[in-house]
C-alpha atoms as a PDB file:
ATOM      1  CA  MET A   1       3.574  10.350  44.099  1.00  0.00           C
ATOM      2  CA  LYS A   2       0.848   9.723  41.332  1.00  0.00           C
ATOM      3  CA  MET A   3       1.491  11.066  37.652  1.00  0.00           C
ATOM      4  CA  ASN A   4      -0.597  11.177  34.531  1.00  0.00           C
ATOM      5  CA  VAL A   5       1.664  11.185  31.970  1.00  0.00           C
ATOM      6  CA  THR A   6       0.564  10.852  28.099  1.00  0.00           C
ATOM      7  CA  ILE A   7       3.550   9.786  25.953  1.00  0.00           C
ATOM      8  CA  ASN A   8       3.507   9.251  22.053  1.00  0.00           C
ATOM      9  CA  ALA A   9       5.049   6.155  21.313  1.00  0.00           C
ATOM     10  CA  THR A  10       7.249   4.700  18.573  1.00  0.00           C
ATOM     11  CA  GLU A  11       6.712   2.415  15.783  1.00  0.00           C
ATOM     12  CA  ASP A  12      10.207   0.533  17.268  1.00  0.00           C
ATOM     13  CA  PHE A  13       8.856   0.730  21.087  1.00  0.00           C
ATOM     14  CA  ILE A  14       5.176  -0.659  20.432  1.00  0.00           C
ATOM     15  CA  VAL A  15       7.134  -3.500  18.105  1.00  0.00           C
ATOM     16  CA  LEU A  16       9.354  -4.946  20.941  1.00  0.00           C
ATOM     17  CA  CYS A  17       6.662  -4.821  23.591  1.00  0.00           C
ATOM     18  CA  ASP A  18       4.463  -6.620  21.318  1.00  0.00           C
ATOM     19  CA  LEU A  19       7.188  -9.167  20.503  1.00  0.00           C
ATOM     20  CA  PHE A  20       7.964  -9.528  23.898  1.00  0.00           C
ATOM     21  CA  LYS A  21       4.872  -9.129  25.734  1.00  0.00           C
ATOM     22  CA  VAL A  22       5.568  -6.610  27.683  1.00  0.00           C
ATOM     23  CA  GLU A  23       3.437  -4.041  28.990  1.00  0.00           C
ATOM     24  CA  PRO A  24       4.620  -0.861  28.306  1.00  0.00           C
ATOM     25  CA  GLN A  25       3.208   1.052  31.722  1.00  0.00           C
ATOM     26  CA  ALA A  26       5.257  -2.272  33.646  1.00  0.00           C
ATOM     27  CA  LEU A  27       8.235  -1.024  31.660  1.00  0.00           C
ATOM     28  CA  ILE A  28       8.352   2.699  32.240  1.00  0.00           C
ATOM     29  CA  GLN A  29       7.498   2.142  36.001  1.00  0.00           C
ATOM     30  CA  LYS A  30      10.421  -0.192  36.071  1.00  0.00           C
ATOM     31  CA  PHE A  31      12.419   2.856  34.405  1.00  0.00           C
ATOM     32  CA  VAL A  32      11.256   5.311  36.923  1.00  0.00           C
ATOM     33  CA  ASP A  33      11.618   3.554  40.122  1.00  0.00           C
ATOM     34  CA  GLN A  34      15.699   2.748  39.283  1.00  0.00           C
ATOM     35  CA  VAL A  35      16.300   6.170  38.400  1.00  0.00           C
ATOM     36  CA  SER A  36      18.277   7.488  41.578  1.00  0.00           C
ATOM     37  CA  PHE A  37      21.036   9.295  42.602  1.00  0.00           C
ATOM     38  CA  PRO A  38      22.045   7.246  45.826  1.00  0.00           C
ATOM     39  CA  PHE A  39      21.418   3.681  44.271  1.00  0.00           C
ATOM     40  CA  TYR A  40      23.749   4.989  41.075  1.00  0.00           C
ATOM     41  CA  TYR A  41      26.749   6.024  43.727  1.00  0.00           C
ATOM     42  CA  SER A  42      26.471   2.944  45.948  1.00  0.00           C
ATOM     43  CA  GLN A  43      26.232   0.636  43.180  1.00  0.00           C
ATOM     44  CA  PRO A  44      29.011   1.094  41.153  1.00  0.00           C
ATOM     45  CA  ASP A  45      28.751  -2.437  39.265  1.00  0.00           C
ATOM     46  CA  GLY A  46      24.859  -2.479  39.612  1.00  0.00           C
ATOM     47  CA  ASP A  47      23.337  -2.815  36.304  1.00  0.00           C
ATOM     48  CA  GLU A  48      19.782  -1.306  37.502  1.00  0.00           C
ATOM     49  CA  ARG A  49      22.230   1.932  36.910  1.00  0.00           C
ATOM     50  CA  TRP A  50      21.131   2.399  32.998  1.00  0.00           C
ATOM     51  CA  ALA A  51      17.843   4.239  34.222  1.00  0.00           C
ATOM     52  CA  THR A  52      20.396   7.035  36.051  1.00  0.00           C
ATOM     53  CA  LEU A  53      22.519   6.628  32.876  1.00  0.00           C
ATOM     54  CA  PHE A  54      20.037   7.849  30.659  1.00  0.00           C
ATOM     55  CA  PHE A  55      18.546  10.795  32.991  1.00  0.00           C
ATOM     56  CA  LEU A  56      22.005  12.359  33.263  1.00  0.00           C
ATOM     57  CA  TYR A  57      22.730  12.097  29.380  1.00  0.00           C
ATOM     58  CA  TYR A  58      18.796  13.260  28.852  1.00  0.00           C
ATOM     59  CA  ILE A  59      20.142  16.072  31.817  1.00  0.00           C
ATOM     60  CA  GLY A  60      23.178  16.903  29.493  1.00  0.00           C
ATOM     61  CA  LEU A  61      20.421  16.924  25.937  1.00  0.00           C
ATOM     62  CA  GLN A  62      19.577  20.330  28.006  1.00  0.00           C
ATOM     63  CA  GLY A  63      22.436  22.481  27.127  1.00  0.00           C
ATOM     64  CA  LYS A  64      22.501  26.284  28.396  1.00  0.00           C
ATOM     65  CA  GLU A  65      19.732  26.043  30.604  1.00  0.00           C
ATOM     66  CA  ILE A  66      21.582  23.097  32.958  1.00  0.00           C
ATOM     67  CA  GLU A  67      24.754  24.531  32.606  1.00  0.00           C
ATOM     68  CA  ILE A  68      23.197  27.787  34.311  1.00  0.00           C
ATOM     69  CA  GLU A  69      21.789  25.435  37.649  1.00  0.00           C
ATOM     70  CA  MET A  70      24.926  23.227  37.627  1.00  0.00           C
ATOM     71  CA  PRO A  71      27.016  25.279  40.395  1.00  0.00           C
ATOM     72  CA  GLN A  72      23.751  25.180  42.405  1.00  0.00           C
ATOM     73  CA  HIS A  73      23.706  21.283  42.011  1.00  0.00           C
ATOM     74  CA  GLU A  74      27.420  20.159  41.872  1.00  0.00           C
ATOM     75  CA  PRO A  75      27.767  21.296  45.972  1.00  0.00           C
ATOM     76  CA  PHE A  76      24.941  18.505  46.406  1.00  0.00           C
ATOM     77  CA  MET A  77      26.352  16.048  44.237  1.00  0.00           C
ATOM     78  CA  ASN A  78      29.851  16.017  45.572  1.00  0.00           C
ATOM     79  CA  GLN A  79      28.693  15.578  49.216  1.00  0.00           C
ATOM     80  CA  MET A  80      26.209  13.144  47.841  1.00  0.00           C
ATOM     81  CA  ALA A  81      29.540  11.285  46.666  1.00  0.00           C
ATOM     82  CA  GLU A  82      31.515  11.401  49.508  1.00  0.00           C
ATOM     83  CA  VAL A  83      29.125  10.900  51.940  1.00  0.00           C
ATOM     84  CA  VAL A  84      28.393   7.356  49.831  1.00  0.00           C
ATOM     85  CA  PHE A  85      32.067   6.898  49.148  1.00  0.00           C
ATOM     86  CA  ASN A  86      33.113   6.949  52.500  1.00  0.00           C
ATOM     87  CA  HIS A  87      30.377   4.464  53.393  1.00  0.00           C
ATOM     88  CA  LEU A  88      32.090   1.469  50.817  1.00  0.00           C
ATOM     89  CA  GLU A  89      35.430   2.077  52.167  1.00  0.00           C
ATOM     90  CA  ALA A  90      34.292   0.003  54.496  1.00  0.00           C
ATOM     91  CA  GLY A  91      33.689  -2.397  52.010  1.00  0.00           C
ATOM     92  CA  HIS A  92      30.708  -3.456  49.493  1.00  0.00           C
ATOM     93  CA  GLN A  93      28.185  -5.192  52.490  1.00  0.00           C
ATOM     94  CA  TYR A  94      27.550  -1.458  53.401  1.00  0.00           C
ATOM     95  CA  ALA A  95      26.035  -0.317  50.565  1.00  0.00           C
ATOM     96  CA  ALA A  96      22.301  -0.359  51.692  1.00  0.00           C
ATOM     97  CA  LYS A  97      23.483   1.844  54.215  1.00  0.00           C
ATOM     98  CA  ALA A  98      25.702   4.325  51.728  1.00  0.00           C
ATOM     99  CA  GLU A  99      22.538   4.640  49.588  1.00  0.00           C
ATOM    100  CA  ILE A 100      20.121   5.217  52.583  1.00  0.00           C
ATOM    101  CA  ALA A 101      23.098   8.346  53.825  1.00  0.00           C
ATOM    102  CA  GLY A 102      22.876   9.941  49.670  1.00  0.00           C
ATOM    103  CA  ARG A 103      19.239   9.692  50.058  1.00  0.00           C
ATOM    104  CA  GLU A 104      19.867  12.272  53.206  1.00  0.00           C
ATOM    105  CA  VAL A 105      21.870  13.953  51.318  1.00  0.00           C
ATOM    106  CA  MET A 106      18.768  13.979  48.157  1.00  0.00           C
ATOM    107  CA  LYS A 107      16.318  15.349  50.953  1.00  0.00           C
ATOM    108  CA  ALA A 108      18.785  18.113  52.124  1.00  0.00           C
ATOM    109  CA  TRP A 109      19.798  19.368  48.012  1.00  0.00           C
ATOM    110  CA  HIS A 110      16.040  19.111  46.880  1.00  0.00           C
ATOM    111  CA  GLN A 111      14.782  21.174  50.012  1.00  0.00           C
ATOM    112  CA  HIS A 112      17.589  23.666  49.169  1.00  0.00           C
ATOM    113  CA  ILE A 113      16.831  23.608  45.310  1.00  0.00           C
ATOM    114  CA  MET A 114      13.065  24.340  46.379  1.00  0.00           C
ATOM    115  CA  GLU A 115      13.685  27.123  48.255  1.00  0.00           C
ATOM    116  CA  LYS A 116      16.198  28.719  45.971  1.00  0.00           C
ATOM    117  CA  ARG A 117      12.975  28.421  43.394  1.00  0.00           C
ATOM    118  CA  ALA A 118      10.858  30.209  45.246  1.00  0.00           C
ATOM    119  CA  GLU A 119      12.449  33.643  45.681  1.00  0.00           C
END
């Protein structure tokens, strides 16, 4: 899915991008590519988890709004952990299968929440 997003880049961000010859669009795209609950759960030692950790941090900043909705999300988060960890019990060589299984939970989770919001 393509999105057009406008951001106000800070001076620090601009300077760091200039210093290290980083294209802001490429950096932001890489960040977006790495926000993934299935990957986060299936790769507990993965360096690529930082984007999802920041996403979770951001959710935590939402305060009351997210607190009210969390009971709808928690069963799916628990299911995600259970499905992924069940695959990983056989060893980390099954991390890719665990990630795929986690994506199936995400699809059901997404469908459930979108239906609830449409009510």
